[in-house]
Amino acid sequence: MVAAVVMPEHFHLIAWPENHISPSPSMAELMKSIKGFSAREINKLRKVHGNLWQPDYHDEILENEQALRKAADYLLANPVKRKLASRPEEYLFEWTYWHGFYDCSQAEQNATGKSRPRPF
């Protein structure tokens, strides 16, 4: 897993398959497993039943580093666009492999339309 953001009714995930898993699960099987397990656990904590996540999923192949960065910026900007945080790194339900090293300024600019100075 490279990055993840959990929103109130959906989540974003950037990941790549492990080569040592054989046979590899299909994307549909993987999403069903992630959504099913997480919904059961979250509903258990909330003491509720029923659907938690949006029913479908969207997958995309990220063919190079530029595509990965664009996807990460989109993913990290999502909570800011929804006004769940004022800056990407302030959102509690996000995780990145490079936490603390990724410059969120592009994601923030994409979400707010405002830029801030990049760190040194």
N, C-alpha and C. Protein backbone atom coordinates (compact mmCIF):
# COMPACT_ATOMS: atom_id res chain seq x y z
N MET A 1 0.85 -1.16 0.00
CA MET A 1 0.00 0.00 0.00
C MET A 1 0.90 1.24 0.00
N VAL A 2 0.54 2.19 -0.84
CA VAL A 2 1.30 3.43 -0.95
C VAL A 2 0.61 4.55 -0.20
N ALA A 3 -0.70 4.66 -0.33
CA ALA A 3 -1.44 5.73 0.34
C ALA A 3 -2.90 5.33 0.46
N ALA A 4 -3.55 5.89 1.48
CA ALA A 4 -4.98 5.65 1.68
C ALA A 4 -5.60 6.85 2.38
N VAL A 5 -6.83 7.14 2.02
CA VAL A 5 -7.63 8.17 2.68
C VAL A 5 -9.03 7.59 2.87
N VAL A 6 -9.50 7.62 4.10
CA VAL A 6 -10.85 7.13 4.39
C VAL A 6 -11.76 8.34 4.54
N MET A 7 -12.76 8.38 3.69
CA MET A 7 -13.77 9.44 3.71
C MET A 7 -15.03 8.87 4.37
N PRO A 8 -16.04 9.71 4.65
CA PRO A 8 -17.23 9.19 5.34
C PRO A 8 -17.94 8.05 4.61
N GLU A 9 -17.99 8.05 3.27
CA GLU A 9 -18.74 7.02 2.56
C GLU A 9 -17.91 6.28 1.51
N HIS A 10 -16.65 6.58 1.41
CA HIS A 10 -15.78 5.88 0.46
C HIS A 10 -14.34 6.03 0.92
N PHE A 11 -13.46 5.32 0.27
CA PHE A 11 -12.04 5.47 0.57
C PHE A 11 -11.24 5.46 -0.72
N HIS A 12 -10.06 6.03 -0.64
CA HIS A 12 -9.12 6.04 -1.75
C HIS A 12 -7.92 5.20 -1.33
N LEU A 13 -7.42 4.42 -2.26
CA LEU A 13 -6.30 3.54 -1.96
C LEU A 13 -5.38 3.51 -3.16
N ILE A 14 -4.09 3.68 -2.92
CA ILE A 14 -3.09 3.48 -3.95
C ILE A 14 -2.23 2.31 -3.48
N ALA A 15 -2.20 1.26 -4.28
CA ALA A 15 -1.47 0.05 -3.89
C ALA A 15 -0.97 -0.65 -5.14
N TRP A 16 -0.06 -1.57 -4.94
CA TRP A 16 0.36 -2.42 -6.04
C TRP A 16 0.33 -3.86 -5.56
N PRO A 17 0.10 -4.79 -6.49
CA PRO A 17 -0.01 -6.20 -6.09
C PRO A 17 1.35 -6.77 -5.71
N GLU A 18 1.33 -7.68 -4.77
CA GLU A 18 2.54 -8.41 -4.41
C GLU A 18 2.73 -9.55 -5.40
N ASN A 19 3.93 -9.75 -5.84
CA ASN A 19 4.21 -10.81 -6.80
C ASN A 19 4.16 -12.20 -6.18
N HIS A 20 4.33 -12.29 -4.88
CA HIS A 20 4.41 -13.61 -4.26
C HIS A 20 3.05 -14.21 -3.91
N ILE A 21 1.98 -13.47 -4.11
CA ILE A 21 0.64 -14.01 -3.84
C ILE A 21 0.19 -14.81 -5.06
N SER A 22 -0.09 -16.07 -4.85
CA SER A 22 -0.49 -16.91 -5.97
C SER A 22 -1.64 -17.80 -5.53
N PRO A 23 -2.73 -17.86 -6.23
CA PRO A 23 -3.04 -17.00 -7.36
C PRO A 23 -3.45 -15.61 -6.87
N SER A 24 -3.15 -14.62 -7.65
CA SER A 24 -3.48 -13.24 -7.28
C SER A 24 -4.99 -13.04 -7.33
N PRO A 25 -5.56 -12.38 -6.31
CA PRO A 25 -7.00 -12.11 -6.35
C PRO A 25 -7.30 -11.05 -7.41
N SER A 26 -8.50 -11.11 -7.96
CA SER A 26 -8.91 -10.07 -8.91
C SER A 26 -9.16 -8.78 -8.14
N MET A 27 -9.20 -7.68 -8.85
CA MET A 27 -9.49 -6.40 -8.21
C MET A 27 -10.86 -6.44 -7.54
N ALA A 28 -11.83 -7.05 -8.19
CA ALA A 28 -13.17 -7.14 -7.61
C ALA A 28 -13.14 -7.94 -6.30
N GLU A 29 -12.41 -9.04 -6.26
CA GLU A 29 -12.30 -9.84 -5.04
C GLU A 29 -11.59 -9.06 -3.93
N LEU A 30 -10.54 -8.36 -4.30
CA LEU A 30 -9.79 -7.57 -3.33
C LEU A 30 -10.66 -6.47 -2.73
N MET A 31 -11.38 -5.73 -3.57
CA MET A 31 -12.23 -4.65 -3.08
C MET A 31 -13.37 -5.19 -2.22
N LYS A 32 -13.94 -6.31 -2.62
CA LYS A 32 -15.02 -6.93 -1.83
C LYS A 32 -14.49 -7.30 -0.44
N SER A 33 -13.29 -7.83 -0.39
CA SER A 33 -12.69 -8.23 0.88
C SER A 33 -12.41 -7.02 1.77
N ILE A 34 -11.78 -5.99 1.21
CA ILE A 34 -11.45 -4.78 1.98
C ILE A 34 -12.72 -4.10 2.47
N LYS A 35 -13.67 -3.90 1.57
CA LYS A 35 -14.90 -3.20 1.94
C LYS A 35 -15.72 -4.01 2.95
N GLY A 36 -15.82 -5.32 2.74
CA GLY A 36 -16.60 -6.17 3.64
C GLY A 36 -16.02 -6.20 5.04
N PHE A 37 -14.71 -6.45 5.14
CA PHE A 37 -14.07 -6.52 6.44
C PHE A 37 -14.15 -5.18 7.17
N SER A 38 -13.78 -4.10 6.47
CA SER A 38 -13.77 -2.79 7.13
C SER A 38 -15.18 -2.36 7.53
N ALA A 39 -16.18 -2.62 6.70
CA ALA A 39 -17.56 -2.25 7.04
C ALA A 39 -18.02 -3.01 8.28
N ARG A 40 -17.74 -4.30 8.36
CA ARG A 40 -18.14 -5.08 9.54
C ARG A 40 -17.48 -4.52 10.80
N GLU A 41 -16.19 -4.22 10.73
CA GLU A 41 -15.47 -3.74 11.91
C GLU A 41 -15.94 -2.33 12.31
N ILE A 42 -16.13 -1.45 11.35
CA ILE A 42 -16.59 -0.10 11.67
C ILE A 42 -18.01 -0.13 12.20
N ASN A 43 -18.87 -0.91 11.57
CA ASN A 43 -20.25 -1.03 12.05
C ASN A 43 -20.31 -1.61 13.46
N LYS A 44 -19.42 -2.56 13.75
CA LYS A 44 -19.36 -3.14 15.08
C LYS A 44 -19.00 -2.06 16.11
N LEU A 45 -18.02 -1.23 15.80
CA LEU A 45 -17.63 -0.15 16.70
C LEU A 45 -18.74 0.88 16.87
N ARG A 46 -19.45 1.15 15.79
CA ARG A 46 -20.53 2.14 15.83
C ARG A 46 -21.85 1.56 16.33
N LYS A 47 -21.88 0.23 16.49
CA LYS A 47 -23.09 -0.49 16.93
C LYS A 47 -24.26 -0.25 15.99
N VAL A 48 -23.97 -0.37 14.69
CA VAL A 48 -25.00 -0.23 13.65
C VAL A 48 -24.85 -1.38 12.66
N HIS A 49 -25.84 -1.54 11.79
CA HIS A 49 -25.80 -2.53 10.72
C HIS A 49 -26.08 -1.82 9.40
N GLY A 50 -25.71 -2.46 8.31
CA GLY A 50 -26.05 -1.92 7.01
C GLY A 50 -24.83 -1.51 6.20
N ASN A 51 -25.13 -0.96 5.04
CA ASN A 51 -24.07 -0.56 4.12
C ASN A 51 -23.29 0.63 4.67
N LEU A 52 -22.01 0.60 4.41
CA LEU A 52 -21.14 1.69 4.83
C LEU A 52 -20.54 2.40 3.62
N TRP A 53 -20.02 1.62 2.69
CA TRP A 53 -19.30 2.16 1.54
C TRP A 53 -20.19 2.28 0.32
N GLN A 54 -19.79 3.14 -0.60
CA GLN A 54 -20.45 3.21 -1.89
C GLN A 54 -20.32 1.83 -2.54
N PRO A 55 -21.31 1.39 -3.33
CA PRO A 55 -21.31 0.01 -3.83
C PRO A 55 -20.25 -0.30 -4.88
N ASP A 56 -19.84 0.64 -5.67
CA ASP A 56 -18.90 0.36 -6.75
C ASP A 56 -17.49 0.79 -6.38
N TYR A 57 -16.57 0.54 -7.30
CA TYR A 57 -15.21 1.03 -7.14
C TYR A 57 -14.68 1.43 -8.51
N HIS A 58 -13.64 2.22 -8.49
CA HIS A 58 -12.99 2.66 -9.72
C HIS A 58 -11.52 2.32 -9.58
N ASP A 59 -10.99 1.63 -10.56
CA ASP A 59 -9.55 1.33 -10.51
C ASP A 59 -8.86 1.92 -11.73
N GLU A 60 -7.60 2.19 -11.56
CA GLU A 60 -6.83 2.83 -12.61
C GLU A 60 -5.39 2.35 -12.50
N ILE A 61 -4.77 2.07 -13.62
CA ILE A 61 -3.36 1.68 -13.64
C ILE A 61 -2.51 2.95 -13.69
N LEU A 62 -1.59 3.06 -12.76
CA LEU A 62 -0.68 4.20 -12.71
C LEU A 62 0.62 3.74 -13.35
N GLU A 63 0.88 4.25 -14.53
CA GLU A 63 1.96 3.72 -15.35
C GLU A 63 3.34 4.32 -15.09
N ASN A 64 3.39 5.44 -14.38
CA ASN A 64 4.70 6.05 -14.13
C ASN A 64 4.62 6.91 -12.87
N GLU A 65 5.77 7.49 -12.50
CA GLU A 65 5.82 8.28 -11.27
C GLU A 65 4.94 9.52 -11.35
N GLN A 66 4.85 10.13 -12.51
CA GLN A 66 4.00 11.30 -12.67
C GLN A 66 2.53 10.95 -12.39
N ALA A 67 2.08 9.82 -12.91
CA ALA A 67 0.71 9.37 -12.66
C ALA A 67 0.50 9.06 -11.18
N LEU A 68 1.51 8.47 -10.54
CA LEU A 68 1.43 8.17 -9.11
C LEU A 68 1.31 9.46 -8.30
N ARG A 69 2.12 10.46 -8.62
CA ARG A 69 2.07 11.74 -7.90
C ARG A 69 0.72 12.44 -8.10
N LYS A 70 0.21 12.40 -9.32
CA LYS A 70 -1.09 13.02 -9.60
C LYS A 70 -2.19 12.32 -8.80
N ALA A 71 -2.16 11.01 -8.75
CA ALA A 71 -3.15 10.26 -7.98
C ALA A 71 -3.01 10.55 -6.49
N ALA A 72 -1.78 10.62 -5.99
CA ALA A 72 -1.56 10.93 -4.57
C ALA A 72 -2.04 12.33 -4.24
N ASP A 73 -1.77 13.30 -5.11
CA ASP A 73 -2.26 14.66 -4.87
C ASP A 73 -3.78 14.69 -4.82
N TYR A 74 -4.43 13.98 -5.73
CA TYR A 74 -5.90 13.91 -5.75
C TYR A 74 -6.40 13.28 -4.45
N LEU A 75 -5.81 12.17 -4.09
CA LEU A 75 -6.21 11.43 -2.90
C LEU A 75 -6.09 12.31 -1.66
N LEU A 76 -4.95 12.99 -1.50
CA LEU A 76 -4.71 13.81 -0.32
C LEU A 76 -5.53 15.09 -0.30
N ALA A 77 -5.94 15.57 -1.48
CA ALA A 77 -6.74 16.79 -1.55
C ALA A 77 -8.21 16.53 -1.23
N ASN A 78 -8.66 15.31 -1.32
CA ASN A 78 -10.07 14.99 -1.16
C ASN A 78 -10.67 15.49 0.16
N PRO A 79 -10.05 15.26 1.31
CA PRO A 79 -10.64 15.76 2.56
C PRO A 79 -10.69 17.29 2.62
N VAL A 80 -9.74 17.97 1.99
CA VAL A 80 -9.74 19.43 1.98
C VAL A 80 -10.88 19.94 1.11
N LYS A 81 -11.07 19.32 -0.05
CA LYS A 81 -12.18 19.72 -0.93
C LYS A 81 -13.52 19.55 -0.24
N ARG A 82 -13.64 18.52 0.57
CA ARG A 82 -14.88 18.25 1.29
C ARG A 82 -14.98 19.03 2.61
N LYS A 83 -13.97 19.85 2.89
CA LYS A 83 -13.92 20.69 4.10
C LYS A 83 -13.89 19.85 5.39
N LEU A 84 -13.23 18.70 5.31
CA LEU A 84 -13.02 17.85 6.49
C LEU A 84 -11.69 18.19 7.17
N ALA A 85 -10.85 18.96 6.48
CA ALA A 85 -9.57 19.43 7.02
C ALA A 85 -9.19 20.68 6.24
N SER A 86 -8.38 21.52 6.85
CA SER A 86 -7.96 22.72 6.13
C SER A 86 -6.69 22.48 5.31
N ARG A 87 -5.93 21.47 5.68
CA ARG A 87 -4.73 21.08 4.92
C ARG A 87 -4.67 19.57 4.87
N PRO A 88 -4.13 18.98 3.81
CA PRO A 88 -4.12 17.52 3.69
C PRO A 88 -3.49 16.80 4.87
N GLU A 89 -2.37 17.32 5.37
CA GLU A 89 -1.67 16.62 6.45
C GLU A 89 -2.39 16.71 7.80
N GLU A 90 -3.45 17.52 7.89
CA GLU A 90 -4.22 17.63 9.12
C GLU A 90 -5.33 16.59 9.23
N TYR A 91 -5.65 15.92 8.12
CA TYR A 91 -6.75 14.95 8.13
C TYR A 91 -6.30 13.69 8.86
N LEU A 92 -7.07 13.26 9.84
CA LEU A 92 -6.68 12.13 10.69
C LEU A 92 -6.76 10.77 9.99
N PHE A 93 -7.58 10.66 8.95
CA PHE A 93 -7.83 9.36 8.35
C PHE A 93 -7.13 9.21 7.01
N GLU A 94 -5.89 9.64 6.97
CA GLU A 94 -5.06 9.46 5.78
C GLU A 94 -3.74 8.83 6.19
N TRP A 95 -3.20 8.06 5.30
CA TRP A 95 -1.92 7.41 5.55
C TRP A 95 -1.16 7.37 4.24
N THR A 96 0.12 7.68 4.29
CA THR A 96 0.98 7.53 3.12
C THR A 96 2.25 6.81 3.52
N TYR A 97 2.76 6.05 2.60
CA TYR A 97 4.02 5.34 2.79
C TYR A 97 5.14 6.32 3.11
N TRP A 98 5.07 7.48 2.51
CA TRP A 98 6.12 8.49 2.65
C TRP A 98 5.72 9.57 3.65
N HIS A 99 4.85 9.25 4.63
CA HIS A 99 4.35 10.24 5.59
C HIS A 99 5.50 11.05 6.17
N GLY A 100 5.35 12.36 6.13
CA GLY A 100 6.38 13.24 6.63
C GLY A 100 7.39 13.65 5.57
N PHE A 101 7.40 12.94 4.45
CA PHE A 101 8.34 13.25 3.38
C PHE A 101 7.65 13.80 2.14
N TYR A 102 6.36 13.54 2.02
CA TYR A 102 5.62 13.96 0.82
C TYR A 102 5.21 15.42 0.97
N ASP A 103 5.49 16.22 -0.02
CA ASP A 103 5.13 17.63 -0.03
C ASP A 103 3.67 17.75 -0.46
N CYS A 104 2.81 18.10 0.47
CA CYS A 104 1.37 18.18 0.22
C CYS A 104 0.94 19.50 -0.41
N SER A 105 1.87 20.40 -0.71
CA SER A 105 1.47 21.72 -1.19
C SER A 105 0.71 21.66 -2.50
N GLN A 106 1.05 20.73 -3.41
CA GLN A 106 0.32 20.62 -4.67
C GLN A 106 -1.10 20.11 -4.43
N ALA A 107 -1.24 19.13 -3.55
CA ALA A 107 -2.57 18.62 -3.21
C ALA A 107 -3.42 19.72 -2.58
N GLU A 108 -2.81 20.50 -1.71
CA GLU A 108 -3.55 21.60 -1.07
C GLU A 108 -3.96 22.64 -2.09
N GLN A 109 -3.06 22.98 -3.01
CA GLN A 109 -3.39 23.96 -4.04
C GLN A 109 -4.52 23.44 -4.93
N ASN A 110 -4.48 22.15 -5.28
CA ASN A 110 -5.54 21.56 -6.09
C ASN A 110 -6.89 21.63 -5.36
N ALA A 111 -6.87 21.47 -4.05
CA ALA A 111 -8.11 21.45 -3.28
C ALA A 111 -8.66 22.84 -3.03
N THR A 112 -7.79 23.81 -2.77
CA THR A 112 -8.24 25.12 -2.35
C THR A 112 -8.10 26.21 -3.41
N GLY A 113 -7.26 25.95 -4.41
CA GLY A 113 -6.97 26.97 -5.40
C GLY A 113 -5.95 27.99 -4.92
N LYS A 114 -5.44 27.79 -3.71
CA LYS A 114 -4.45 28.70 -3.14
C LYS A 114 -3.12 27.96 -2.99
N SER A 115 -2.05 28.66 -3.23
CA SER A 115 -0.74 28.04 -3.03
C SER A 115 -0.11 28.58 -1.77
N ARG A 116 0.79 27.81 -1.22
CA ARG A 116 1.57 28.25 -0.07
C ARG A 116 3.04 27.94 -0.38
N PRO A 117 3.94 28.61 0.30
CA PRO A 117 5.36 28.34 0.00
C PRO A 117 5.71 26.88 0.22
N ARG A 118 6.49 26.33 -0.67
CA ARG A 118 6.95 24.96 -0.51
C ARG A 118 8.02 24.92 0.57
N PRO A 119 8.10 23.84 1.34
CA PRO A 119 9.13 23.74 2.36
C PRO A 119 10.51 23.64 1.71
N PHE A 120 11.53 24.01 2.47
CA PHE A 120 12.90 23.95 1.96
C PHE A 120 13.33 22.52 1.71
